[in-house]
């Protein structure tokens, strides 16, 4: 059984859904949540669901020995980024042998890259006049939003959409598909 660590920076709604999805699974369990922000609400969600959390700031993330020691202590062997806003160091990708999955709130490769997260992505979709948006679940590599795609799901961009209204539709896709896409990645390995 795989032991998942979730890296998150904020509220943790996706992290909560992932934890719940795998709590009775014979495929994997979430064993740890790592956040770069002590005040991130994801810590409270994890605690309520019986999952430990640890704060590792961006500066502390440079201490490879400490970070990999924490991951080893929990036996983590699969990593999920769920609203984690920092670039993951190469040693993390190496530690998990490439098994690091991220979700992006648009259809990559468009609307991706450094600085493209959250409402910035939705604003860019609207500014470009796209008729469709959605989510991309993908493996990560050393560049923002460039890793191999696992799955995408779409939603329409409606006339008169605002950043907030588009974000609501995209969030519904995240909640519906992200845990299942992770399970797919866990059970359908590629070489």
C-alpha atoms as a PDB file:
ATOM      1  CA  UNK A   1       0.000   0.000   0.000  1.00  0.00           C
ATOM      2  CA  UNK A   2       1.310   3.431  -0.949  1.00  0.00           C
ATOM      3  CA  UNK A   3       1.833   6.061   1.736  1.00  0.00           C
ATOM      4  CA  UNK A   4       0.893   9.516   0.448  1.00  0.00           C
ATOM      5  CA  UNK A   5       2.227  12.840   1.655  1.00  0.00           C
ATOM      6  CA  UNK A   6       0.259  15.918   0.610  1.00  0.00           C
ATOM      7  CA  UNK A   7       2.019  19.256   0.200  1.00  0.00           C
ATOM      8  CA  UNK A   8      -0.417  22.179   0.573  1.00  0.00           C
ATOM      9  CA  UNK A   9      -0.201  25.901   1.289  1.00  0.00           C
ATOM     10  CA  UNK A  10      -3.723  27.016   2.096  1.00  0.00           C
ATOM     11  CA  UNK A  11      -7.260  26.059   2.965  1.00  0.00           C
ATOM     12  CA  UNK A  12      -6.944  22.370   2.182  1.00  0.00           C
ATOM     13  CA  UNK A  13     -10.283  21.508   0.584  1.00  0.00           C
ATOM     14  CA  UNK A  14      -8.599  19.255  -1.973  1.00  0.00           C
ATOM     15  CA  UNK A  15      -6.359  17.732   0.698  1.00  0.00           C
ATOM     16  CA  UNK A  16      -9.417  16.894   2.792  1.00  0.00           C
ATOM     17  CA  UNK A  17     -11.110  15.158  -0.137  1.00  0.00           C
ATOM     18  CA  UNK A  18      -7.959  13.188  -0.900  1.00  0.00           C
ATOM     19  CA  UNK A  19      -7.595  12.078   2.724  1.00  0.00           C
ATOM     20  CA  UNK A  20     -11.230  10.967   2.812  1.00  0.00           C
ATOM     21  CA  UNK A  21     -10.968   9.225  -0.565  1.00  0.00           C
ATOM     22  CA  UNK A  22      -8.109   7.009   0.641  1.00  0.00           C
ATOM     23  CA  UNK A  23      -9.089   6.511   4.295  1.00  0.00           C
ATOM     24  CA  UNK A  24     -10.634   3.074   3.607  1.00  0.00           C
ATOM     25  CA  UNK A  25      -8.644   2.259   0.468  1.00  0.00           C
ATOM     26  CA  UNK A  26      -6.443  -0.782  -0.040  1.00  0.00           C
ATOM     27  CA  UNK A  27      -4.432   1.222  -2.622  1.00  0.00           C
ATOM     28  CA  UNK A  28      -3.029   4.037  -0.461  1.00  0.00           C
ATOM     29  CA  UNK A  29      -3.356   6.126   2.687  1.00  0.00           C
ATOM     30  CA  UNK A  30      -2.472   9.747   3.374  1.00  0.00           C
ATOM     31  CA  UNK A  31       0.085   9.655   6.179  1.00  0.00           C
ATOM     32  CA  UNK A  32       1.258  13.272   6.335  1.00  0.00           C
ATOM     33  CA  UNK A  33       0.449  16.815   5.253  1.00  0.00           C
ATOM     34  CA  UNK A  34       3.362  19.206   4.703  1.00  0.00           C
ATOM     35  CA  UNK A  35       2.693  22.919   4.524  1.00  0.00           C
ATOM     36  CA  UNK A  36       4.949  25.933   4.155  1.00  0.00           C
ATOM     37  CA  UNK A  37       2.598  28.114   6.246  1.00  0.00           C
ATOM     38  CA  UNK A  38       2.010  27.559   9.969  1.00  0.00           C
ATOM     39  CA  UNK A  39      -1.392  29.274   9.751  1.00  0.00           C
ATOM     40  CA  UNK A  40      -2.631  27.212   6.776  1.00  0.00           C
ATOM     41  CA  UNK A  41      -6.102  25.821   7.504  1.00  0.00           C
ATOM     42  CA  UNK A  42      -5.097  22.533   5.866  1.00  0.00           C
ATOM     43  CA  UNK A  43      -3.386  21.673   9.180  1.00  0.00           C
ATOM     44  CA  UNK A  44      -6.701  21.806  11.045  1.00  0.00           C
ATOM     45  CA  UNK A  45      -8.419  19.715   8.383  1.00  0.00           C
ATOM     46  CA  UNK A  46      -5.661  17.092   8.569  1.00  0.00           C
ATOM     47  CA  UNK A  47      -5.776  16.991  12.367  1.00  0.00           C
ATOM     48  CA  UNK A  48      -9.572  16.575  12.344  1.00  0.00           C
ATOM     49  CA  UNK A  49      -9.129  13.600   9.992  1.00  0.00           C
ATOM     50  CA  UNK A  50      -6.357  12.010  12.067  1.00  0.00           C
ATOM     51  CA  UNK A  51      -3.468  12.864   9.742  1.00  0.00           C
ATOM     52  CA  UNK A  52      -0.291  14.476  11.066  1.00  0.00           C
ATOM     53  CA  UNK A  53       0.954  17.737   9.624  1.00  0.00           C
ATOM     54  CA  UNK A  54       4.302  19.459   9.683  1.00  0.00           C
ATOM     55  CA  UNK A  55       5.380  22.973   8.728  1.00  0.00           C
ATOM     56  CA  UNK A  56       8.427  23.222   6.473  1.00  0.00           C
ATOM     57  CA  UNK A  57       8.951  26.785   5.284  1.00  0.00           C
ATOM     58  CA  UNK A  58      10.407  27.657   1.920  1.00  0.00           C
ATOM     59  CA  UNK A  59      13.733  28.393   3.594  1.00  0.00           C
ATOM     60  CA  UNK A  60      13.658  25.095   5.506  1.00  0.00           C
ATOM     61  CA  UNK A  61      12.861  23.237   2.279  1.00  0.00           C
ATOM     62  CA  UNK A  62      16.491  23.889   1.288  1.00  0.00           C
ATOM     63  CA  UNK A  63      17.597  21.516   4.084  1.00  0.00           C
ATOM     64  CA  UNK A  64      17.418  18.303   2.098  1.00  0.00           C
ATOM     65  CA  UNK A  65      18.558  16.067   4.963  1.00  0.00           C
ATOM     66  CA  UNK A  66      15.856  17.362   7.318  1.00  0.00           C
ATOM     67  CA  UNK A  67      13.047  17.164   4.773  1.00  0.00           C
ATOM     68  CA  UNK A  68      13.905  13.688   3.522  1.00  0.00           C
ATOM     69  CA  UNK A  69      14.247  12.553   7.152  1.00  0.00           C
ATOM     70  CA  UNK A  70      10.669  13.690   7.851  1.00  0.00           C
ATOM     71  CA  UNK A  71       9.407  11.914   4.730  1.00  0.00           C
ATOM     72  CA  UNK A  72      11.294   8.736   5.679  1.00  0.00           C
ATOM     73  CA  UNK A  73       9.911   8.853   9.245  1.00  0.00           C
ATOM     74  CA  UNK A  74       6.407   8.554   7.759  1.00  0.00           C
ATOM     75  CA  UNK A  75       7.398   6.048   5.092  1.00  0.00           C
ATOM     76  CA  UNK A  76       6.017   8.411   2.433  1.00  0.00           C
ATOM     77  CA  UNK A  77       6.473   6.969  -1.054  1.00  0.00           C
ATOM     78  CA  UNK A  78       4.057   9.057  -3.146  1.00  0.00           C
ATOM     79  CA  UNK A  79       3.596  12.842  -3.118  1.00  0.00           C
ATOM     80  CA  UNK A  80       0.593  14.965  -4.046  1.00  0.00           C
ATOM     81  CA  UNK A  81       0.680  18.742  -4.427  1.00  0.00           C
ATOM     82  CA  UNK A  82      -2.718  20.169  -3.530  1.00  0.00           C
ATOM     83  CA  UNK A  83      -2.468  23.937  -3.689  1.00  0.00           C
ATOM     84  CA  UNK A  84       1.240  23.995  -2.860  1.00  0.00           C
ATOM     85  CA  UNK A  85       2.536  27.301  -4.178  1.00  0.00           C
ATOM     86  CA  UNK A  86       6.304  26.798  -4.053  1.00  0.00           C
ATOM     87  CA  UNK A  87       8.495  25.191  -6.689  1.00  0.00           C
ATOM     88  CA  UNK A  88       9.305  21.707  -5.420  1.00  0.00           C
ATOM     89  CA  UNK A  89      13.068  21.116  -5.225  1.00  0.00           C
ATOM     90  CA  UNK A  90      14.553  18.498  -7.549  1.00  0.00           C
ATOM     91  CA  UNK A  91      15.603  16.360  -4.584  1.00  0.00           C
ATOM     92  CA  UNK A  92      11.905  15.853  -3.693  1.00  0.00           C
ATOM     93  CA  UNK A  93      11.159  14.640  -7.219  1.00  0.00           C
ATOM     94  CA  UNK A  94      14.186  12.342  -6.992  1.00  0.00           C
ATOM     95  CA  UNK A  95      13.174  11.109  -3.521  1.00  0.00           C
ATOM     96  CA  UNK A  96       9.795   9.980  -4.860  1.00  0.00           C
ATOM     97  CA  UNK A  97      11.337   8.654  -8.106  1.00  0.00           C
ATOM     98  CA  UNK A  98       9.100  11.012 -10.084  1.00  0.00           C
ATOM     99  CA  UNK A  99       5.919  10.063  -8.214  1.00  0.00           C
ATOM    100  CA  UNK A 100       4.875  13.650  -7.502  1.00  0.00           C
ATOM    101  CA  UNK A 101       1.431  14.669  -8.773  1.00  0.00           C
ATOM    102  CA  UNK A 102       0.015  18.185  -9.037  1.00  0.00           C
ATOM    103  CA  UNK A 103      -3.303  19.736  -9.992  1.00  0.00           C
ATOM    104  CA  UNK A 104      -3.533  22.909 -12.065  1.00  0.00           C
ATOM    105  CA  UNK A 105      -6.775  24.921 -12.407  1.00  0.00           C
ATOM    106  CA  UNK A 106      -6.673  25.161 -16.215  1.00  0.00           C
ATOM    107  CA  UNK A 107      -6.041  23.042 -19.267  1.00  0.00           C
ATOM    108  CA  UNK A 108      -2.278  22.894 -19.611  1.00  0.00           C
ATOM    109  CA  UNK A 109      -0.070  23.740 -21.387  1.00  0.00           C
ATOM    110  CA  UNK A 110      -1.983  27.014 -21.755  1.00  0.00           C
ATOM    111  CA  UNK A 111      -2.284  29.208 -18.629  1.00  0.00           C
ATOM    112  CA  UNK A 112       0.615  27.541 -16.830  1.00  0.00           C
ATOM    113  CA  UNK A 113       4.049  28.489 -15.610  1.00  0.00           C
ATOM    114  CA  UNK A 114       5.616  30.523 -12.853  1.00  0.00           C
ATOM    115  CA  UNK A 115       3.126  32.797 -11.097  1.00  0.00           C
ATOM    116  CA  UNK A 116       0.104  31.103 -12.681  1.00  0.00           C
ATOM    117  CA  UNK A 117      -1.978  29.835  -9.779  1.00  0.00           C
ATOM    118  CA  UNK A 118      -5.418  30.393  -8.270  1.00  0.00           C
ATOM    119  CA  UNK A 119      -7.346  33.428  -9.428  1.00  0.00           C
ATOM    120  CA  UNK A 120      -4.475  34.516 -11.693  1.00  0.00           C
ATOM    121  CA  UNK A 121      -5.148  31.466 -13.862  1.00  0.00           C
ATOM    122  CA  UNK A 122      -8.888  32.133 -14.086  1.00  0.00           C
ATOM    123  CA  UNK A 123      -8.267  35.805 -14.913  1.00  0.00           C
ATOM    124  CA  UNK A 124      -5.912  34.752 -17.707  1.00  0.00           C
ATOM    125  CA  UNK A 125      -8.473  32.291 -19.119  1.00  0.00           C
ATOM    126  CA  UNK A 126     -11.066  35.084 -19.210  1.00  0.00           C
ATOM    127  CA  UNK A 127      -8.640  37.637 -20.662  1.00  0.00           C
ATOM    128  CA  UNK A 128      -7.756  35.218 -23.489  1.00  0.00           C
ATOM    129  CA  UNK A 129     -11.415  34.700 -24.344  1.00  0.00           C
ATOM    130  CA  UNK A 130     -11.239  30.925 -23.966  1.00  0.00           C
ATOM    131  CA  UNK A 131     -14.526  29.063 -24.364  1.00  0.00           C
ATOM    132  CA  UNK A 132     -13.389  26.134 -22.203  1.00  0.00           C
ATOM    133  CA  UNK A 133     -11.401  25.824 -18.989  1.00  0.00           C
ATOM    134  CA  UNK A 134     -10.875  22.982 -16.577  1.00  0.00           C
ATOM    135  CA  UNK A 135      -8.224  21.121 -14.618  1.00  0.00           C
ATOM    136  CA  UNK A 136      -5.054  19.249 -15.399  1.00  0.00           C
ATOM    137  CA  UNK A 137      -3.663  16.580 -13.086  1.00  0.00           C
ATOM    138  CA  UNK A 138      -0.029  15.918 -13.978  1.00  0.00           C
ATOM    139  CA  UNK A 139       3.300  14.620 -12.784  1.00  0.00           C
ATOM    140  CA  UNK A 140       5.752  17.372 -11.990  1.00  0.00           C
ATOM    141  CA  UNK A 141       9.242  17.898 -13.258  1.00  0.00           C
ATOM    142  CA  UNK A 142      11.791  20.681 -12.736  1.00  0.00           C
ATOM    143  CA  UNK A 143       9.632  23.321 -14.475  1.00  0.00           C
ATOM    144  CA  UNK A 144       6.300  24.787 -13.383  1.00  0.00           C
ATOM    145  CA  UNK A 145       3.335  22.963 -14.981  1.00  0.00           C
ATOM    146  CA  UNK A 146       5.304  21.020 -17.608  1.00  0.00           C
ATOM    147  CA  UNK A 147       5.149  17.393 -16.416  1.00  0.00           C
ATOM    148  CA  UNK A 148       3.355  14.488 -18.086  1.00  0.00           C
ATOM    149  CA  UNK A 149      -0.458  14.788 -17.988  1.00  0.00           C
ATOM    150  CA  UNK A 150      -2.448  12.143 -16.101  1.00  0.00           C
ATOM    151  CA  UNK A 151      -5.902  13.521 -16.886  1.00  0.00           C
ATOM    152  CA  UNK A 152      -7.843  16.647 -17.780  1.00  0.00           C
ATOM    153  CA  UNK A 153     -11.473  17.598 -17.204  1.00  0.00           C
ATOM    154  CA  UNK A 154     -13.296  20.503 -18.843  1.00  0.00           C
ATOM    155  CA  UNK A 155     -15.991  23.014 -18.052  1.00  0.00           C
ATOM    156  CA  UNK A 156     -17.433  25.800 -20.198  1.00  0.00           C
ATOM    157  CA  UNK A 157     -16.484  29.427 -19.822  1.00  0.00           C
ATOM    158  CA  UNK A 158     -19.824  31.230 -19.802  1.00  0.00           C
ATOM    159  CA  UNK A 159     -20.632  34.638 -21.178  1.00  0.00           C
ATOM    160  CA  UNK A 160     -20.410  37.126 -18.317  1.00  0.00           C
ATOM    161  CA  UNK A 161     -18.195  34.869 -16.203  1.00  0.00           C
ATOM    162  CA  UNK A 162     -16.131  36.485 -13.480  1.00  0.00           C
ATOM    163  CA  UNK A 163     -12.998  35.073 -11.923  1.00  0.00           C
ATOM    164  CA  UNK A 164     -15.148  33.915  -9.004  1.00  0.00           C
ATOM    165  CA  UNK A 165     -17.862  32.211 -11.076  1.00  0.00           C
ATOM    166  CA  UNK A 166     -15.301  30.418 -13.252  1.00  0.00           C
ATOM    167  CA  UNK A 167     -13.316  29.391 -10.179  1.00  0.00           C
ATOM    168  CA  UNK A 168     -16.434  27.786  -8.676  1.00  0.00           C
ATOM    169  CA  UNK A 169     -16.916  25.556 -11.732  1.00  0.00           C
ATOM    170  CA  UNK A 170     -13.227  24.635 -11.800  1.00  0.00           C
ATOM    171  CA  UNK A 171     -13.291  23.804  -8.066  1.00  0.00           C
ATOM    172  CA  UNK A 172     -16.188  21.418  -8.681  1.00  0.00           C
ATOM    173  CA  UNK A 173     -14.016  19.602 -11.220  1.00  0.00           C
ATOM    174  CA  UNK A 174     -11.128  19.440  -8.747  1.00  0.00           C
ATOM    175  CA  UNK A 175     -13.349  17.957  -6.057  1.00  0.00           C
ATOM    176  CA  UNK A 176     -14.894  15.443  -8.457  1.00  0.00           C
ATOM    177  CA  UNK A 177     -11.754  14.248 -10.264  1.00  0.00           C
ATOM    178  CA  UNK A 178      -8.535  14.897  -8.321  1.00  0.00           C
ATOM    179  CA  UNK A 179      -8.741  11.945  -5.883  1.00  0.00           C
ATOM    180  CA  UNK A 180      -9.705   9.547  -8.688  1.00  0.00           C
ATOM    181  CA  UNK A 181      -6.856  10.829 -10.878  1.00  0.00           C
ATOM    182  CA  UNK A 182      -4.410  10.178  -8.020  1.00  0.00           C
ATOM    183  CA  UNK A 183      -5.756   6.656  -7.629  1.00  0.00           C
ATOM    184  CA  UNK A 184      -5.397   6.144 -11.376  1.00  0.00           C
ATOM    185  CA  UNK A 185      -1.767   7.312 -11.195  1.00  0.00           C
ATOM    186  CA  UNK A 186      -1.137   4.914  -8.305  1.00  0.00           C
ATOM    187  CA  UNK A 187      -2.584   1.900 -10.099  1.00  0.00           C
ATOM    188  CA  UNK A 188      -1.482   2.582 -13.699  1.00  0.00           C
ATOM    189  CA  UNK A 189       2.273   3.046 -13.599  1.00  0.00           C
ATOM    190  CA  UNK A 190       4.246   4.243 -16.591  1.00  0.00           C
ATOM    191  CA  UNK A 191       7.908   3.686 -17.328  1.00  0.00           C
END
